Amino acid sequence: MRNPVHGRSSTMAVDAGFAECKSCCVMSALDPTVAGQLAEDLPPDVFRTIIATFEEDLTRLVQELRAAYDSGDQDGYERAAHSLAGAAAAVGAVGLEREARLAMDHRQPEAAITVLPRLVAEAEGALEALHALIH
């Protein structure tokens, strides 16, 4: 099993990668079928509650990913990525789901230091797109 830690602090590297990724992620953040269906079918207050819960989950899970990365906890990293993939799928955040599934696969060739910034950027893009559906 590959250790996600490669001798660098994740915060600085992830933040730098996030700045590069953020602009490209918003456009493809959501599957319009899933997210649009939720927005159309649910009463606005219920949809807002789902978005708020998703935002809380994202915050917690991204923190867990970073902490697991920093401590070299591969199992914790994959668990958090798995939870993130499930939460993303539930709201149609396809880009985030894709990056989370990549993060949870220890056999994939990209290092966590490369995947994590994209994952964080996709999370921000998904939230931005979901909030736009409210207005």
N, C-alpha and C. Protein backbone atom coordinates (compact mmCIF):
# COMPACT_ATOMS: atom_id res chain seq x y z
N MET A 1 0.84 -1.18 0.00
CA MET A 1 0.00 0.00 0.00
C MET A 1 0.89 1.24 0.00
N ARG A 2 0.58 2.17 -0.86
CA ARG A 2 1.37 3.38 -1.02
C ARG A 2 1.05 4.36 0.11
N ASN A 3 2.07 4.90 0.70
CA ASN A 3 1.91 5.91 1.73
C ASN A 3 1.64 7.25 1.07
N PRO A 4 0.57 7.97 1.47
CA PRO A 4 0.26 9.22 0.80
C PRO A 4 1.23 10.35 1.11
N VAL A 5 2.02 10.22 2.13
CA VAL A 5 2.91 11.31 2.52
C VAL A 5 4.21 11.22 1.75
N HIS A 6 4.59 12.33 1.16
CA HIS A 6 5.81 12.38 0.37
C HIS A 6 6.76 13.43 0.89
N GLY A 7 6.77 13.63 2.21
CA GLY A 7 7.72 14.53 2.83
C GLY A 7 7.39 16.01 2.71
N ARG A 8 6.17 16.38 2.34
CA ARG A 8 5.81 17.79 2.23
C ARG A 8 4.58 18.07 3.08
N SER A 9 4.45 19.32 3.47
CA SER A 9 3.25 19.73 4.18
C SER A 9 2.12 19.86 3.17
N SER A 10 0.98 19.28 3.49
CA SER A 10 -0.13 19.31 2.53
C SER A 10 -0.74 20.69 2.41
N THR A 11 -0.79 21.45 3.48
CA THR A 11 -1.51 22.71 3.44
C THR A 11 -0.96 23.65 2.38
N MET A 12 0.34 23.85 2.35
CA MET A 12 0.93 24.76 1.38
C MET A 12 0.77 24.23 -0.05
N ALA A 13 1.06 22.97 -0.25
CA ALA A 13 0.96 22.38 -1.59
C ALA A 13 -0.48 22.32 -2.06
N VAL A 14 -1.39 21.95 -1.17
CA VAL A 14 -2.80 21.86 -1.54
C VAL A 14 -3.35 23.24 -1.85
N ASP A 15 -3.01 24.24 -1.04
CA ASP A 15 -3.49 25.59 -1.30
C ASP A 15 -2.97 26.13 -2.63
N ALA A 16 -1.73 25.84 -2.96
CA ALA A 16 -1.17 26.28 -4.24
C ALA A 16 -1.88 25.59 -5.40
N GLY A 17 -2.10 24.30 -5.26
CA GLY A 17 -2.81 23.56 -6.30
C GLY A 17 -4.25 24.00 -6.44
N PHE A 18 -4.86 24.35 -5.32
CA PHE A 18 -6.25 24.81 -5.34
C PHE A 18 -6.39 26.08 -6.17
N ALA A 19 -5.47 27.01 -6.01
CA ALA A 19 -5.53 28.26 -6.77
C ALA A 19 -5.50 27.98 -8.27
N GLU A 20 -4.70 27.02 -8.69
CA GLU A 20 -4.61 26.68 -10.11
C GLU A 20 -5.87 26.01 -10.62
N CYS A 21 -6.50 25.18 -9.79
CA CYS A 21 -7.63 24.36 -10.24
C CYS A 21 -8.98 25.05 -10.17
N LYS A 22 -9.14 26.02 -9.28
CA LYS A 22 -10.46 26.53 -8.98
C LYS A 22 -11.22 27.02 -10.20
N SER A 23 -10.58 27.77 -11.06
CA SER A 23 -11.30 28.35 -12.19
C SER A 23 -11.81 27.31 -13.17
N CYS A 24 -11.14 26.18 -13.31
CA CYS A 24 -11.56 25.18 -14.30
C CYS A 24 -12.66 24.27 -13.77
N CYS A 25 -12.92 24.27 -12.49
CA CYS A 25 -13.81 23.26 -11.91
C CYS A 25 -15.27 23.67 -11.84
N VAL A 26 -15.56 24.96 -11.80
CA VAL A 26 -16.94 25.39 -11.58
C VAL A 26 -17.85 24.98 -12.73
N MET A 27 -17.38 25.09 -13.95
CA MET A 27 -18.22 24.81 -15.11
C MET A 27 -18.70 23.36 -15.16
N SER A 28 -17.88 22.42 -14.77
CA SER A 28 -18.24 21.01 -14.86
C SER A 28 -18.54 20.40 -13.51
N ALA A 29 -18.87 21.23 -12.53
CA ALA A 29 -19.01 20.76 -11.16
C ALA A 29 -20.21 19.84 -10.95
N LEU A 30 -21.31 20.08 -11.64
CA LEU A 30 -22.54 19.34 -11.37
C LEU A 30 -23.08 18.64 -12.60
N ASP A 31 -23.69 17.49 -12.36
CA ASP A 31 -24.48 16.83 -13.38
C ASP A 31 -25.83 17.55 -13.36
N PRO A 32 -26.18 18.26 -14.42
CA PRO A 32 -27.42 19.04 -14.39
C PRO A 32 -28.67 18.18 -14.19
N THR A 33 -28.62 16.93 -14.58
CA THR A 33 -29.77 16.06 -14.41
C THR A 33 -30.04 15.80 -12.93
N VAL A 34 -29.00 15.41 -12.20
CA VAL A 34 -29.17 15.08 -10.77
C VAL A 34 -29.44 16.34 -9.95
N ALA A 35 -28.55 17.32 -10.06
CA ALA A 35 -28.68 18.54 -9.26
C ALA A 35 -29.95 19.30 -9.63
N GLY A 36 -30.24 19.38 -10.92
CA GLY A 36 -31.45 20.07 -11.36
C GLY A 36 -32.71 19.39 -10.87
N GLN A 37 -32.70 18.07 -10.89
CA GLN A 37 -33.85 17.31 -10.40
C GLN A 37 -34.09 17.57 -8.92
N LEU A 38 -33.01 17.59 -8.15
CA LEU A 38 -33.14 17.90 -6.72
C LEU A 38 -33.73 19.29 -6.53
N ALA A 39 -33.18 20.26 -7.26
CA ALA A 39 -33.64 21.64 -7.12
C ALA A 39 -35.10 21.80 -7.53
N GLU A 40 -35.52 21.07 -8.54
CA GLU A 40 -36.90 21.18 -9.02
C GLU A 40 -37.89 20.41 -8.15
N ASP A 41 -37.50 19.23 -7.70
CA ASP A 41 -38.44 18.36 -7.00
C ASP A 41 -38.62 18.67 -5.52
N LEU A 42 -37.61 19.25 -4.92
CA LEU A 42 -37.68 19.49 -3.48
C LEU A 42 -38.15 20.91 -3.18
N PRO A 43 -38.87 21.07 -2.08
CA PRO A 43 -39.20 22.42 -1.65
C PRO A 43 -37.90 23.19 -1.38
N PRO A 44 -37.89 24.50 -1.64
CA PRO A 44 -36.66 25.28 -1.48
C PRO A 44 -35.99 25.13 -0.11
N ASP A 45 -36.78 25.08 0.96
CA ASP A 45 -36.17 24.96 2.29
C ASP A 45 -35.49 23.60 2.48
N VAL A 46 -36.05 22.56 1.90
CA VAL A 46 -35.43 21.23 1.98
C VAL A 46 -34.15 21.20 1.16
N PHE A 47 -34.19 21.80 -0.03
CA PHE A 47 -32.99 21.86 -0.87
C PHE A 47 -31.88 22.64 -0.16
N ARG A 48 -32.24 23.76 0.47
CA ARG A 48 -31.24 24.54 1.23
C ARG A 48 -30.64 23.71 2.37
N THR A 49 -31.47 22.92 3.03
CA THR A 49 -30.98 22.05 4.11
C THR A 49 -30.01 21.01 3.57
N ILE A 50 -30.32 20.45 2.42
CA ILE A 50 -29.42 19.46 1.80
C ILE A 50 -28.08 20.11 1.46
N ILE A 51 -28.12 21.31 0.90
CA ILE A 51 -26.88 22.00 0.56
C ILE A 51 -26.08 22.32 1.82
N ALA A 52 -26.76 22.78 2.87
CA ALA A 52 -26.06 23.10 4.12
C ALA A 52 -25.41 21.85 4.72
N THR A 53 -26.12 20.73 4.68
CA THR A 53 -25.57 19.47 5.19
C THR A 53 -24.39 19.03 4.34
N PHE A 54 -24.53 19.14 3.03
CA PHE A 54 -23.44 18.79 2.12
C PHE A 54 -22.21 19.66 2.41
N GLU A 55 -22.43 20.94 2.63
CA GLU A 55 -21.32 21.86 2.93
C GLU A 55 -20.63 21.47 4.23
N GLU A 56 -21.40 21.14 5.25
CA GLU A 56 -20.81 20.69 6.52
C GLU A 56 -20.01 19.41 6.33
N ASP A 57 -20.58 18.47 5.58
CA ASP A 57 -19.87 17.21 5.31
C ASP A 57 -18.58 17.46 4.54
N LEU A 58 -18.65 18.34 3.53
CA LEU A 58 -17.44 18.65 2.75
C LEU A 58 -16.34 19.22 3.63
N THR A 59 -16.71 20.16 4.47
CA THR A 59 -15.72 20.78 5.35
C THR A 59 -15.05 19.73 6.22
N ARG A 60 -15.86 18.89 6.85
CA ARG A 60 -15.33 17.85 7.73
C ARG A 60 -14.48 16.85 6.96
N LEU A 61 -14.96 16.39 5.82
CA LEU A 61 -14.25 15.35 5.07
C LEU A 61 -12.96 15.86 4.45
N VAL A 62 -12.94 17.09 3.98
CA VAL A 62 -11.70 17.65 3.44
C VAL A 62 -10.68 17.80 4.57
N GLN A 63 -11.13 18.20 5.76
CA GLN A 63 -10.23 18.27 6.91
C GLN A 63 -9.68 16.89 7.25
N GLU A 64 -10.55 15.87 7.20
CA GLU A 64 -10.10 14.50 7.47
C GLU A 64 -9.09 14.03 6.42
N LEU A 65 -9.33 14.37 5.16
CA LEU A 65 -8.39 14.01 4.09
C LEU A 65 -7.03 14.64 4.34
N ARG A 66 -7.02 15.93 4.63
CA ARG A 66 -5.75 16.63 4.87
C ARG A 66 -5.03 16.05 6.08
N ALA A 67 -5.77 15.80 7.15
CA ALA A 67 -5.16 15.25 8.37
C ALA A 67 -4.59 13.85 8.10
N ALA A 68 -5.33 13.04 7.38
CA ALA A 68 -4.85 11.69 7.06
C ALA A 68 -3.63 11.76 6.15
N TYR A 69 -3.65 12.67 5.21
CA TYR A 69 -2.50 12.86 4.32
C TYR A 69 -1.27 13.26 5.15
N ASP A 70 -1.45 14.26 6.01
CA ASP A 70 -0.32 14.77 6.82
C ASP A 70 0.25 13.71 7.74
N SER A 71 -0.61 12.83 8.26
CA SER A 71 -0.14 11.82 9.21
C SER A 71 0.26 10.51 8.54
N GLY A 72 0.06 10.41 7.23
CA GLY A 72 0.42 9.17 6.53
C GLY A 72 -0.58 8.05 6.74
N ASP A 73 -1.80 8.40 7.12
CA ASP A 73 -2.85 7.41 7.39
C ASP A 73 -3.59 7.07 6.10
N GLN A 74 -3.09 6.09 5.37
CA GLN A 74 -3.68 5.70 4.08
C GLN A 74 -5.12 5.24 4.24
N ASP A 75 -5.40 4.42 5.26
CA ASP A 75 -6.77 3.94 5.45
C ASP A 75 -7.73 5.10 5.74
N GLY A 76 -7.32 6.02 6.60
CA GLY A 76 -8.14 7.18 6.90
C GLY A 76 -8.37 8.06 5.68
N TYR A 77 -7.33 8.21 4.88
CA TYR A 77 -7.42 8.99 3.64
C TYR A 77 -8.43 8.36 2.69
N GLU A 78 -8.35 7.04 2.51
CA GLU A 78 -9.27 6.35 1.61
C GLU A 78 -10.70 6.35 2.15
N ARG A 79 -10.86 6.23 3.47
CA ARG A 79 -12.19 6.27 4.08
C ARG A 79 -12.85 7.63 3.86
N ALA A 80 -12.09 8.70 4.11
CA ALA A 80 -12.64 10.05 3.91
C ALA A 80 -12.97 10.29 2.44
N ALA A 81 -12.11 9.82 1.55
CA ALA A 81 -12.36 9.97 0.11
C ALA A 81 -13.61 9.19 -0.30
N HIS A 82 -13.80 8.00 0.27
CA HIS A 82 -14.99 7.19 -0.02
C HIS A 82 -16.26 7.91 0.43
N SER A 83 -16.23 8.46 1.63
CA SER A 83 -17.39 9.21 2.14
C SER A 83 -17.67 10.43 1.27
N LEU A 84 -16.62 11.09 0.86
CA LEU A 84 -16.76 12.27 0.01
C LEU A 84 -17.35 11.90 -1.35
N ALA A 85 -16.93 10.77 -1.91
CA ALA A 85 -17.47 10.31 -3.19
C ALA A 85 -18.97 10.05 -3.08
N GLY A 86 -19.39 9.43 -1.99
CA GLY A 86 -20.81 9.15 -1.79
C GLY A 86 -21.63 10.42 -1.63
N ALA A 87 -21.13 11.36 -0.85
CA ALA A 87 -21.84 12.63 -0.66
C ALA A 87 -21.94 13.38 -1.98
N ALA A 88 -20.87 13.37 -2.75
CA ALA A 88 -20.85 14.07 -4.04
C ALA A 88 -21.85 13.44 -5.01
N ALA A 89 -21.89 12.12 -5.05
CA ALA A 89 -22.81 11.43 -5.95
C ALA A 89 -24.26 11.77 -5.62
N ALA A 90 -24.56 11.91 -4.35
CA ALA A 90 -25.93 12.17 -3.92
C ALA A 90 -26.48 13.50 -4.43
N VAL A 91 -25.60 14.48 -4.65
CA VAL A 91 -26.06 15.79 -5.13
C VAL A 91 -25.67 16.05 -6.58
N GLY A 92 -25.07 15.07 -7.24
CA GLY A 92 -24.70 15.23 -8.64
C GLY A 92 -23.41 15.98 -8.87
N ALA A 93 -22.55 16.05 -7.86
CA ALA A 93 -21.26 16.73 -7.99
C ALA A 93 -20.27 15.77 -8.66
N VAL A 94 -20.38 15.65 -9.97
CA VAL A 94 -19.64 14.62 -10.71
C VAL A 94 -18.13 14.82 -10.70
N GLY A 95 -17.68 16.05 -10.78
CA GLY A 95 -16.23 16.30 -10.75
C GLY A 95 -15.65 15.93 -9.40
N LEU A 96 -16.34 16.30 -8.34
CA LEU A 96 -15.89 15.97 -7.00
C LEU A 96 -15.92 14.46 -6.79
N GLU A 97 -16.98 13.82 -7.23
CA GLU A 97 -17.06 12.36 -7.10
C GLU A 97 -15.90 11.69 -7.83
N ARG A 98 -15.60 12.15 -9.04
CA ARG A 98 -14.49 11.57 -9.82
C ARG A 98 -13.16 11.71 -9.08
N GLU A 99 -12.88 12.90 -8.56
CA GLU A 99 -11.62 13.12 -7.85
C GLU A 99 -11.57 12.33 -6.54
N ALA A 100 -12.70 12.22 -5.85
CA ALA A 100 -12.74 11.45 -4.61
C ALA A 100 -12.51 9.97 -4.88
N ARG A 101 -13.09 9.46 -5.95
CA ARG A 101 -12.87 8.04 -6.30
C ARG A 101 -11.42 7.80 -6.69
N LEU A 102 -10.82 8.76 -7.34
CA LEU A 102 -9.40 8.66 -7.66
C LEU A 102 -8.57 8.65 -6.38
N ALA A 103 -8.92 9.51 -5.44
CA ALA A 103 -8.19 9.58 -4.17
C ALA A 103 -8.32 8.29 -3.36
N MET A 104 -9.45 7.62 -3.45
CA MET A 104 -9.63 6.41 -2.64
C MET A 104 -9.01 5.17 -3.25
N ASP A 105 -8.49 5.27 -4.46
CA ASP A 105 -7.88 4.13 -5.12
C ASP A 105 -6.36 4.17 -4.94
N HIS A 106 -5.84 3.37 -4.02
CA HIS A 106 -4.41 3.39 -3.72
C HIS A 106 -3.57 2.85 -4.88
N ARG A 107 -4.21 2.24 -5.87
CA ARG A 107 -3.46 1.69 -7.01
C ARG A 107 -3.26 2.71 -8.13
N GLN A 108 -3.98 3.81 -8.09
CA GLN A 108 -3.86 4.79 -9.16
C GLN A 108 -2.49 5.45 -9.09
N PRO A 109 -1.95 5.87 -10.22
CA PRO A 109 -0.56 6.33 -10.27
C PRO A 109 -0.31 7.72 -9.72
N GLU A 110 -1.33 8.55 -9.57
CA GLU A 110 -1.10 9.92 -9.10
C GLU A 110 -0.95 9.96 -7.59
N ALA A 111 0.00 10.73 -7.13
CA ALA A 111 0.22 10.90 -5.69
C ALA A 111 -0.89 11.76 -5.10
N ALA A 112 -1.15 11.55 -3.82
CA ALA A 112 -2.18 12.32 -3.13
C ALA A 112 -1.90 13.82 -3.21
N ILE A 113 -0.66 14.21 -3.20
CA ILE A 113 -0.30 15.63 -3.27
C ILE A 113 -0.78 16.25 -4.58
N THR A 114 -0.99 15.44 -5.60
CA THR A 114 -1.51 15.90 -6.88
C THR A 114 -3.03 15.88 -6.91
N VAL A 115 -3.62 14.85 -6.34
CA VAL A 115 -5.07 14.68 -6.38
C VAL A 115 -5.78 15.62 -5.40
N LEU A 116 -5.22 15.81 -4.23
CA LEU A 116 -5.89 16.58 -3.17
C LEU A 116 -6.23 18.01 -3.59
N PRO A 117 -5.35 18.76 -4.24
CA PRO A 117 -5.74 20.12 -4.66
C PRO A 117 -6.91 20.13 -5.64
N ARG A 118 -6.94 19.18 -6.54
CA ARG A 118 -8.05 19.11 -7.49
C ARG A 118 -9.35 18.76 -6.77
N LEU A 119 -9.25 17.87 -5.80
CA LEU A 119 -10.41 17.47 -5.02
C LEU A 119 -10.98 18.67 -4.26
N VAL A 120 -10.10 19.44 -3.63
CA VAL A 120 -10.54 20.63 -2.89
C VAL A 120 -11.18 21.64 -3.85
N ALA A 121 -10.58 21.83 -5.01
CA ALA A 121 -11.14 22.77 -5.99
C ALA A 121 -12.50 22.30 -6.48
N GLU A 122 -12.65 21.01 -6.71
CA GLU A 122 -13.94 20.47 -7.14
C GLU A 122 -14.99 20.65 -6.04
N ALA A 123 -14.59 20.49 -4.79
CA ALA A 123 -15.53 20.70 -3.68
C ALA A 123 -16.03 22.13 -3.67
N GLU A 124 -15.13 23.09 -3.83
CA GLU A 124 -15.52 24.50 -3.88
C GLU A 124 -16.43 24.77 -5.07
N GLY A 125 -16.08 24.21 -6.22
CA GLY A 125 -16.90 24.40 -7.42
C GLY A 125 -18.29 23.82 -7.27
N ALA A 126 -18.38 22.66 -6.66
CA ALA A 126 -19.68 22.02 -6.44
C ALA A 126 -20.55 22.87 -5.52
N LEU A 127 -19.97 23.38 -4.45
CA LEU A 127 -20.74 24.23 -3.54
C LEU A 127 -21.21 25.50 -4.23
N GLU A 128 -20.33 26.11 -4.99
CA GLU A 128 -20.69 27.33 -5.72
C GLU A 128 -21.85 27.06 -6.68
N ALA A 129 -21.77 25.97 -7.41
CA ALA A 129 -22.81 25.62 -8.37
C ALA A 129 -24.13 25.28 -7.67
N LEU A 130 -24.06 24.57 -6.55
CA LEU A 130 -25.28 24.25 -5.80
C LEU A 130 -25.93 25.50 -5.24
N HIS A 131 -25.12 26.40 -4.71
CA HIS A 131 -25.66 27.66 -4.18
C HIS A 131 -26.32 28.47 -5.29
N ALA A 132 -25.78 28.41 -6.50
CA ALA A 132 -26.36 29.13 -7.64
C ALA A 132 -27.75 28.60 -7.98
N LEU A 133 -28.00 27.33 -7.72
CA LEU A 133 -29.31 26.74 -8.01
C LEU A 133 -30.40 27.27 -7.07
N ILE A 134 -30.00 27.78 -5.93
CA ILE A 134 -30.97 28.30 -4.96
C ILE A 134 -31.54 29.63 -5.44
N HIS A 135 -30.71 30.41 -6.10
CA HIS A 135 -31.11 31.78 -6.47
C HIS A 135 -31.84 31.86 -7.76
